[in-house]
Amino acid sequence: MPPSSATTVAVVGGGILGLAIAREILQRRPGVRVQVFEQEDRVGAHQTGHNSGVVHAGIYYRPGSLKAELCTRGRALLRDYCAEHALPYDECGKLVVAVDGSELDRFDALEKTARANGVPGLRRLDGREIAEVEPHAAGVAALHSPHTAITDYVAVCGSLAGEIESSGGEVLLRREVTAARRRAGGIEVSVRHGGWVEQHRVDQLILCAGLQADRLGARIDGDPTPRIVPFRGEYMRVSEAKRELVRGMVYPVPDPRYPFLGVHFTRRVDGSLEVGPNAFLSLSRRHYSRAALTPRDLAATLSWPGFWRFSAEHWRTGLTELRGVLSVRSYMESAQRYVPDIGPADVRRAGLGLRAQALDRDGSLVDDFRIHRSDGITSVRNAPSPAATSSLAIAEYVVDRL
């Protein structure tokens, strides 16, 4: 893609990933025209604006995977970016805690993964040492990651959007990309804006559609796989009287069968303390109330053979998660094992987020990032956590291949 005033790149999606890629293009190739199309009325409206704000250090990801590689690089880039732009970034640290001996095999495997990924400053603690880092946490062993941090990803998005526009790019809100067709000499993109459909001719198209990644990909290149199955994660807000009982973050040892990290305690940059998120099937891809249901979204999930294969294998876990959805007491049962002094009476329901989890036809959860490229169109098909942490590194990865 040689720099030229005639070269136009369109990026679909105004979350942190789409904005990071648009900024990267403009930084490297200032003669290129860049347009970001975002369906909502603001940037960072979906996954970016509804996550826990954690900047991961690389503890969990299979060594050699894209997740492991880009998380390590992305954390350093994001730390420097926040410092340069006076954005909040607090290395409050994380404990991953084994509460009893039954978890030690998984704990030992996790430690090997973290060390293979070069997690900076990682230490293994015994029960006494846990109390030195988090006095109110309980367990027999823990991994301490002192450089795991928190930030405000919506503020990062605002900064990235500002950079794009100051560099001559455009961030176009309330623009829904409905189709794209390869034409001689370029790609024709159809964009719905209000009651009109605009046609834009571009040279390169980059899809960072998150919760709509499969639908948009299918419309453009005919490939509906992997299917996005939305999971919702609910958060609890800890009362002011108890929020100082956790200094940083306290996580469980995750179940290696799932890409979810389990209900955990996380500080926010505003000083609040949250518990969560859990992980349960969402009935909507765009709406965030507890009762939200979008028939089209539910039908897309139920019509996917992979969903039924996944459900047949993991229905017991689903019932456990359902109890937490219905009852605050059940929700806090697992969390209270790690911080016994914070119970159901000390929390209230807060917000919830949606996770775009890709599911293959055989029922397997797609764990690693998936980024496809063909004939001028780059499609990010799966970018779950740690995509926000990795966003600036993913941007480098994508632009390297344009």
Protein backbone atom coordinates (compact mmCIF):
# COMPACT_ATOMS: atom_id res chain seq x y z
CA MET A 1 0.00 0.00 0.00
CA PRO A 2 2.27 2.86 -1.15
CA PRO A 3 1.61 6.28 0.40
CA SER A 4 -0.49 8.30 -1.99
CA SER A 5 -3.17 10.93 -1.71
CA ALA A 6 -5.28 8.64 -3.89
CA THR A 7 -5.06 5.75 -1.43
CA THR A 8 -8.06 5.39 0.91
CA VAL A 9 -8.42 2.93 3.78
CA ALA A 10 -11.74 2.36 5.55
CA VAL A 11 -11.85 0.88 9.03
CA VAL A 12 -15.17 -0.52 10.26
CA GLY A 13 -15.55 -0.21 14.03
CA GLY A 14 -14.86 2.62 16.46
CA GLY A 15 -13.78 0.46 19.36
CA ILE A 16 -10.22 0.55 20.64
CA LEU A 17 -8.99 -1.90 18.02
CA GLY A 18 -10.38 -0.11 14.98
CA LEU A 19 -9.16 3.25 16.26
CA ALA A 20 -5.69 1.88 17.05
CA ILE A 21 -5.37 0.48 13.52
CA ALA A 22 -6.53 3.74 11.92
CA ARG A 23 -4.01 5.72 13.99
CA GLU A 24 -1.21 3.29 13.09
CA ILE A 25 -1.89 3.71 9.37
CA LEU A 26 -1.80 7.49 9.63
CA GLN A 27 1.40 7.46 11.67
CA ARG A 28 3.22 5.26 9.20
CA ARG A 29 1.72 6.56 5.95
CA PRO A 30 0.62 10.15 6.39
CA GLY A 31 -0.41 10.54 2.76
CA VAL A 32 -3.14 7.92 3.08
CA ARG A 33 -6.77 8.92 3.60
CA VAL A 34 -8.33 7.03 6.52
CA GLN A 35 -12.02 6.79 7.38
CA VAL A 36 -13.42 5.07 10.49
CA PHE A 37 -17.09 4.06 10.29
CA GLU A 38 -18.82 3.53 13.65
CA GLN A 39 -22.44 2.47 13.91
CA GLU A 40 -23.06 4.04 17.33
CA ASP A 41 -23.08 7.72 18.31
CA ARG A 42 -19.75 7.51 20.17
CA VAL A 43 -16.50 5.58 20.10
CA GLY A 44 -15.86 2.71 22.50
CA ALA A 45 -19.57 2.02 22.83
CA HIS A 46 -19.51 -1.77 23.14
CA GLN A 47 -16.84 -4.18 24.36
CA THR A 48 -14.26 -1.45 24.87
CA GLY A 49 -16.55 0.60 27.07
CA HIS A 50 -17.94 -2.29 29.12
CA ASN A 51 -14.88 -4.24 30.23
CA SER A 52 -13.05 -4.27 33.56
CA GLY A 53 -10.33 -1.82 32.52
CA VAL A 54 -7.51 -4.32 33.18
CA VAL A 55 -4.20 -4.11 31.33
CA HIS A 56 -3.09 -7.74 31.29
CA ALA A 57 0.53 -8.85 31.72
CA GLY A 58 0.29 -12.15 29.80
CA ILE A 59 -0.31 -14.73 32.54
CA TYR A 60 -2.91 -16.86 30.81
CA TYR A 61 -2.11 -17.20 27.13
CA ARG A 62 -0.62 -20.20 25.36
CA PRO A 63 3.08 -19.50 24.75
CA GLY A 64 3.73 -18.83 21.09
CA SER A 65 0.14 -17.78 20.38
CA LEU A 66 -0.80 -14.42 18.93
CA LYS A 67 -2.46 -13.58 22.24
CA ALA A 68 0.77 -14.16 24.16
CA GLU A 69 2.94 -12.29 21.68
CA LEU A 70 0.69 -9.28 21.18
CA CYS A 71 -0.33 -8.96 24.82
CA THR A 72 3.31 -8.60 25.88
CA ARG A 73 4.03 -6.02 23.21
CA GLY A 74 0.68 -4.28 23.62
CA ARG A 75 1.00 -3.80 27.38
CA ALA A 76 4.28 -1.91 26.95
CA LEU A 77 2.89 0.20 24.12
CA LEU A 78 -0.27 1.04 26.05
CA ARG A 79 1.66 1.97 29.19
CA ASP A 80 3.81 4.38 27.18
CA TYR A 81 0.80 5.75 25.31
CA CYS A 82 -1.03 6.54 28.54
CA ALA A 83 2.04 8.24 29.96
CA GLU A 84 2.51 10.33 26.81
CA HIS A 85 -1.13 11.45 26.74
CA ALA A 86 -1.67 11.90 30.50
CA LEU A 87 -4.25 9.10 30.64
CA PRO A 88 -4.90 7.06 33.79
CA TYR A 89 -2.65 4.01 34.19
CA ASP A 90 -2.21 2.39 37.59
CA GLU A 91 0.01 -0.67 38.11
CA CYS A 92 -1.94 -1.78 41.17
CA GLY A 93 -0.97 -5.43 40.62
CA LYS A 94 -2.83 -8.73 40.56
CA LEU A 95 -2.97 -11.88 42.66
CA VAL A 96 -4.12 -15.14 41.07
CA VAL A 97 -5.06 -17.21 44.12
CA ALA A 98 -5.38 -20.95 44.71
CA VAL A 99 -7.76 -21.25 47.65
CA ASP A 100 -7.01 -24.90 48.44
CA GLY A 101 -4.91 -27.88 47.42
CA SER A 102 -7.39 -29.09 44.80
CA GLU A 103 -6.42 -26.13 42.59
CA LEU A 104 -2.65 -26.56 42.80
CA ASP A 105 -2.23 -28.66 39.64
CA ARG A 106 -3.97 -25.98 37.57
CA PHE A 107 -2.07 -23.33 39.51
CA ASP A 108 1.30 -24.94 38.71
CA ALA A 109 0.40 -25.18 35.01
CA LEU A 110 -0.61 -21.52 35.01
CA GLU A 111 2.70 -20.53 36.59
CA LYS A 112 4.60 -22.35 33.84
CA THR A 113 2.58 -20.51 31.20
CA ALA A 114 3.16 -17.14 32.86
CA ARG A 115 6.89 -17.71 33.14
CA ALA A 116 7.12 -18.91 29.54
CA ASN A 117 5.45 -15.63 28.53
CA GLY A 118 7.96 -13.58 30.51
CA VAL A 119 5.42 -11.89 32.79
CA PRO A 120 7.48 -9.12 34.42
CA GLY A 121 8.12 -9.30 38.16
CA LEU A 122 6.11 -12.51 38.63
CA ARG A 123 6.40 -14.09 42.09
CA ARG A 124 4.90 -17.20 43.63
CA LEU A 125 3.58 -16.57 47.15
CA ASP A 126 2.57 -18.88 49.96
CA GLY A 127 -0.40 -18.24 52.25
CA ARG A 128 1.55 -15.96 54.60
CA GLU A 129 2.97 -13.91 51.74
CA ILE A 130 -0.50 -13.45 50.22
CA ALA A 131 -1.48 -11.42 53.29
CA GLU A 132 1.52 -9.13 52.77
CA VAL A 133 0.18 -8.11 49.33
CA GLU A 134 -3.58 -8.38 49.97
CA PRO A 135 -4.26 -8.56 53.74
CA HIS A 136 -7.88 -9.65 53.30
CA ALA A 137 -7.32 -12.30 50.62
CA ALA A 138 -7.33 -16.01 51.49
CA GLY A 139 -5.55 -18.93 49.86
CA VAL A 140 -2.73 -21.45 49.99
CA ALA A 141 -0.70 -20.01 47.10
CA ALA A 142 -0.81 -17.11 44.67
CA LEU A 143 0.93 -15.65 41.67
CA HIS A 144 1.69 -11.97 42.13
CA SER A 145 1.90 -9.91 38.93
CA PRO A 146 2.94 -6.43 40.14
CA HIS A 147 2.79 -4.86 36.68
CA THR A 148 -0.79 -5.82 35.86
CA ALA A 149 -2.52 -2.45 35.60
CA ILE A 150 -5.84 -0.68 35.19
CA THR A 151 -6.77 2.12 32.82
CA ASP A 152 -9.78 3.87 31.30
CA TYR A 153 -10.21 2.36 27.84
CA VAL A 154 -12.95 4.81 26.84
CA ALA A 155 -10.55 7.68 27.56
CA VAL A 156 -7.92 5.91 25.45
CA CYS A 157 -10.45 5.67 22.61
CA GLY A 158 -11.18 9.37 22.87
CA SER A 159 -7.48 10.14 22.64
CA LEU A 160 -6.98 7.83 19.64
CA ALA A 161 -9.97 9.39 17.84
CA GLY A 162 -8.56 12.85 18.48
CA GLU A 163 -5.21 11.82 17.01
CA ILE A 164 -6.87 10.35 13.94
CA GLU A 165 -8.76 13.55 13.23
CA SER A 166 -5.80 15.83 13.93
CA SER A 167 -3.78 13.75 11.43
CA GLY A 168 -6.36 14.26 8.70
CA GLY A 169 -8.42 11.11 9.19
CA GLU A 170 -12.15 10.94 9.76
CA VAL A 171 -14.11 9.26 12.56
CA LEU A 172 -17.65 9.04 11.20
CA LEU A 173 -20.33 8.17 13.76
CA ARG A 174 -23.81 6.74 13.17
CA ARG A 175 -22.51 5.02 10.04
CA GLU A 176 -23.46 1.37 9.67
CA VAL A 177 -21.54 -0.55 7.01
CA THR A 178 -24.05 -2.87 5.36
CA ALA A 179 -22.08 -4.33 2.44
CA ALA A 180 -18.87 -4.16 0.44
CA ARG A 181 -18.13 -5.31 -3.08
CA ARG A 182 -14.80 -5.70 -4.81
CA ARG A 183 -14.71 -3.64 -7.98
CA ALA A 184 -12.03 -3.02 -10.56
CA GLY A 185 -9.47 -0.83 -8.86
CA GLY A 186 -10.97 -0.90 -5.39
CA ILE A 187 -13.74 -1.80 -2.99
CA GLU A 188 -17.19 -0.20 -2.91
CA VAL A 189 -18.53 0.14 0.63
CA SER A 190 -22.23 0.74 1.38
CA VAL A 191 -22.81 2.80 4.51
CA ARG A 192 -26.22 3.55 6.05
CA HIS A 193 -26.44 7.03 7.59
CA GLY A 194 -29.85 8.09 8.78
CA GLY A 195 -32.30 7.29 6.01
CA TRP A 196 -29.64 7.24 3.29
CA VAL A 197 -27.15 4.72 2.00
CA GLU A 198 -23.81 6.26 0.99
CA GLN A 199 -21.34 4.61 -1.39
CA HIS A 200 -17.64 4.95 -0.63
CA ARG A 201 -14.86 3.75 -2.93
CA VAL A 202 -11.76 2.63 -0.96
CA ASP A 203 -8.52 0.77 -1.70
CA GLN A 204 -8.33 -1.23 1.54
CA LEU A 205 -11.05 -2.29 3.99
CA ILE A 206 -10.40 -3.38 7.57
CA LEU A 207 -13.22 -4.96 9.58
CA CYS A 208 -13.08 -4.61 13.37
CA ALA A 209 -16.76 -5.21 13.98
CA GLY A 210 -16.56 -7.04 17.31
CA LEU A 211 -19.98 -8.39 18.18
CA GLN A 212 -21.03 -8.11 14.53
CA ALA A 213 -17.82 -9.59 13.07
CA ASP A 214 -19.40 -12.76 11.69
CA ARG A 215 -22.37 -11.01 10.13
CA LEU A 216 -20.32 -8.36 8.41
CA GLY A 217 -17.73 -10.89 7.30
CA ALA A 218 -20.42 -13.10 5.80
CA ARG A 219 -21.97 -10.18 3.90
CA ILE A 220 -18.64 -9.16 2.44
CA ASP A 221 -16.75 -12.39 1.72
CA GLY A 222 -19.46 -15.02 2.21
CA ASP A 223 -17.72 -16.74 5.12
CA PRO A 224 -19.91 -17.00 8.27
CA THR A 225 -17.28 -18.75 10.38
CA PRO A 226 -16.51 -18.63 13.17
CA ARG A 227 -19.91 -17.62 14.54
CA ILE A 228 -20.06 -14.95 17.24
CA VAL A 229 -21.94 -16.19 20.28
CA PRO A 230 -22.38 -13.28 22.71
CA PHE A 231 -21.72 -13.84 26.41
CA ARG A 232 -22.74 -11.30 28.97
CA GLY A 233 -20.78 -10.54 32.11
CA GLU A 234 -22.40 -8.83 35.09
CA TYR A 235 -20.50 -6.76 37.63
CA MET A 236 -21.16 -6.02 41.30
CA ARG A 237 -20.04 -2.75 42.89
CA VAL A 238 -18.56 -3.07 46.39
CA SER A 239 -19.77 -0.61 49.02
CA GLU A 240 -17.53 2.29 50.01
CA ALA A 241 -17.21 0.81 53.49
CA LYS A 242 -15.53 -2.31 52.10
CA ARG A 243 -13.83 -1.21 48.90
CA GLU A 244 -10.45 -0.60 50.57
CA LEU A 245 -10.24 -4.27 51.56
CA VAL A 246 -8.71 -5.00 48.14
CA ARG A 247 -5.68 -2.97 47.12
CA GLY A 248 -5.39 -4.15 43.50
CA MET A 249 -6.90 -7.22 41.87
CA VAL A 250 -7.69 -10.70 43.20
CA TYR A 251 -8.41 -13.42 40.63
CA PRO A 252 -9.20 -17.14 40.85
CA VAL A 253 -7.21 -19.82 39.07
CA PRO A 254 -9.12 -20.06 35.75
CA ASP A 255 -10.67 -23.21 34.36
CA PRO A 256 -8.48 -24.08 31.34
CA ARG A 257 -11.54 -25.33 29.40
CA TYR A 258 -12.80 -21.76 29.00
CA PRO A 259 -11.33 -18.42 27.87
CA PHE A 260 -13.13 -16.67 30.75
CA LEU A 261 -11.06 -15.80 33.82
CA GLY A 262 -13.70 -16.28 36.52
CA VAL A 263 -15.32 -13.78 38.87
CA HIS A 264 -12.65 -11.54 40.38
CA PHE A 265 -12.10 -8.35 42.38
CA THR A 266 -10.85 -5.39 40.35
CA ARG A 267 -10.13 -1.81 41.29
CA ARG A 268 -11.20 0.93 38.88
CA VAL A 269 -9.25 4.08 38.11
CA ASP A 270 -11.95 6.12 39.88
CA GLY A 271 -11.14 4.31 43.15
CA SER A 272 -14.17 2.02 43.18
CA LEU A 273 -13.98 -1.75 43.56
CA GLU A 274 -15.95 -4.21 41.44
CA VAL A 275 -16.57 -7.93 41.47
CA GLY A 276 -17.03 -9.83 38.22
CA PRO A 277 -17.73 -10.46 35.50
CA ASN A 278 -19.45 -13.81 35.33
CA ALA A 279 -20.10 -15.38 31.91
CA PHE A 280 -23.55 -16.39 30.69
CA LEU A 281 -25.18 -16.55 27.27
CA SER A 282 -26.50 -13.16 26.14
CA LEU A 283 -29.77 -12.88 24.22
CA SER A 284 -28.70 -9.62 22.56
CA ARG A 285 -25.55 -8.31 20.89
CA ARG A 286 -26.24 -4.59 21.32
CA HIS A 287 -28.33 -4.02 24.45
CA TYR A 288 -27.12 -3.99 28.03
CA SER A 289 -30.15 -4.36 30.29
CA ARG A 290 -30.45 -7.62 32.22
CA ALA A 291 -33.69 -8.48 30.38
CA ALA A 292 -32.45 -7.53 26.89
CA LEU A 293 -33.54 -9.88 24.11
CA THR A 294 -33.06 -9.34 20.39
CA PRO A 295 -34.86 -12.12 18.45
CA ARG A 296 -32.47 -11.92 15.51
CA ASP A 297 -29.46 -12.34 17.79
CA LEU A 298 -30.98 -15.24 19.68
CA ALA A 299 -31.92 -16.95 16.41
CA ALA A 300 -28.35 -16.59 15.14
CA THR A 301 -27.05 -18.35 18.24
CA LEU A 302 -29.63 -21.13 18.23
CA SER A 303 -29.19 -21.84 14.53
CA TRP A 304 -25.46 -22.47 14.86
CA PRO A 305 -24.59 -26.19 15.20
CA GLY A 306 -21.51 -25.31 17.23
CA PHE A 307 -23.67 -23.77 19.95
CA TRP A 308 -25.56 -27.02 20.53
CA ARG A 309 -22.37 -29.06 20.56
CA PHE A 310 -20.83 -26.66 23.05
CA SER A 311 -23.97 -26.68 25.21
CA ALA A 312 -24.17 -30.47 25.29
CA GLU A 313 -20.68 -30.63 26.75
CA HIS A 314 -20.87 -27.71 29.17
CA TRP A 315 -24.49 -27.52 30.37
CA ARG A 316 -23.53 -28.12 34.02
CA THR A 317 -21.27 -25.06 33.98
CA GLY A 318 -24.13 -23.11 32.41
CA LEU A 319 -26.45 -24.01 35.28
CA THR A 320 -23.85 -22.86 37.80
CA GLU A 321 -23.52 -19.53 36.00
CA LEU A 322 -27.31 -19.18 35.81
CA ARG A 323 -27.58 -19.35 39.61
CA GLY A 324 -25.21 -16.38 39.80
CA VAL A 325 -27.31 -14.48 37.28
CA LEU A 326 -30.47 -14.98 39.34
CA SER A 327 -29.07 -14.49 42.84
CA VAL A 328 -26.53 -12.04 44.28
CA ARG A 329 -25.89 -14.50 47.11
CA SER A 330 -25.03 -17.26 44.64
CA TYR A 331 -22.92 -14.85 42.60
CA MET A 332 -20.84 -13.95 45.66
CA GLU A 333 -20.38 -17.50 46.93
CA SER A 334 -17.35 -18.12 44.75
CA ALA A 335 -15.94 -14.60 45.06
CA GLN A 336 -16.15 -14.71 48.86
CA ARG A 337 -13.78 -17.69 48.95
CA TYR A 338 -11.00 -15.31 47.90
CA VAL A 339 -11.93 -12.27 50.02
CA PRO A 340 -14.09 -13.63 52.89
CA ASP A 341 -14.86 -10.21 54.38
CA ILE A 342 -16.83 -9.06 51.30
CA GLY A 343 -20.19 -10.79 51.06
CA PRO A 344 -23.61 -10.38 49.43
CA ALA A 345 -24.62 -7.55 51.78
CA ASP A 346 -21.58 -5.52 50.71
CA VAL A 347 -22.32 -5.34 46.97
CA ARG A 348 -24.96 -4.09 44.59
CA ARG A 349 -25.55 -4.83 40.94
CA ALA A 350 -23.57 -2.55 38.62
CA GLY A 351 -23.20 -2.64 34.85
CA LEU A 352 -22.71 -5.52 32.47
CA GLY A 353 -20.60 -6.13 29.42
CA LEU A 354 -20.90 -8.25 26.30
CA ARG A 355 -18.13 -10.47 25.01
CA ALA A 356 -17.93 -11.42 21.33
CA GLN A 357 -16.89 -15.05 21.72
CA ALA A 358 -16.21 -16.88 18.47
CA LEU A 359 -17.43 -20.46 18.28
CA ASP A 360 -16.41 -22.93 15.58
CA ARG A 361 -18.89 -25.31 13.93
CA ASP A 362 -17.56 -28.24 15.98
CA GLY A 363 -18.51 -26.48 19.22
CA SER A 364 -15.01 -25.40 20.24
CA LEU A 365 -14.44 -21.93 21.65
CA VAL A 366 -11.94 -20.01 19.54
CA ASP A 367 -9.18 -19.05 21.94
CA ASP A 368 -6.59 -17.17 19.90
CA PHE A 369 -6.98 -14.01 17.86
CA ARG A 370 -8.15 -14.70 14.30
CA ILE A 371 -7.32 -12.15 11.62
CA HIS A 372 -8.03 -12.99 7.97
CA ARG A 373 -6.85 -11.11 4.88
CA SER A 374 -7.94 -11.54 1.27
CA ASP A 375 -8.00 -9.25 -1.79
CA GLY A 376 -7.70 -5.96 0.03
CA ILE A 377 -10.03 -6.85 2.92
CA THR A 378 -8.69 -7.56 6.41
CA SER A 379 -11.21 -9.10 8.81
CA VAL A 380 -10.67 -9.41 12.56
CA ARG A 381 -12.87 -12.45 13.23
CA ASN A 382 -11.98 -13.06 16.89
CA ALA A 383 -10.42 -10.54 19.26
CA PRO A 384 -11.56 -11.19 22.83
CA SER A 385 -9.56 -10.29 25.94
CA PRO A 386 -6.73 -9.29 25.98
CA ALA A 387 -7.58 -7.38 22.79
CA ALA A 388 -7.86 -4.03 24.59
CA THR A 389 -4.46 -4.55 26.24
CA SER A 390 -3.03 -5.71 22.90
CA SER A 391 -4.74 -3.11 20.70
CA LEU A 392 -1.69 -1.05 19.75
CA ALA A 393 0.29 -4.22 19.03
CA ILE A 394 -2.57 -5.71 16.99
CA ALA A 395 -2.57 -2.45 15.02
CA GLU A 396 1.12 -2.95 14.22
CA TYR A 397 0.44 -6.56 13.23
CA VAL A 398 -2.40 -5.63 10.87
CA VAL A 399 -0.64 -2.67 9.24
CA ASP A 400 2.55 -4.70 8.74
CA ARG A 401 0.47 -6.97 6.49
CA LEU A 402 -1.40 -4.37 4.45
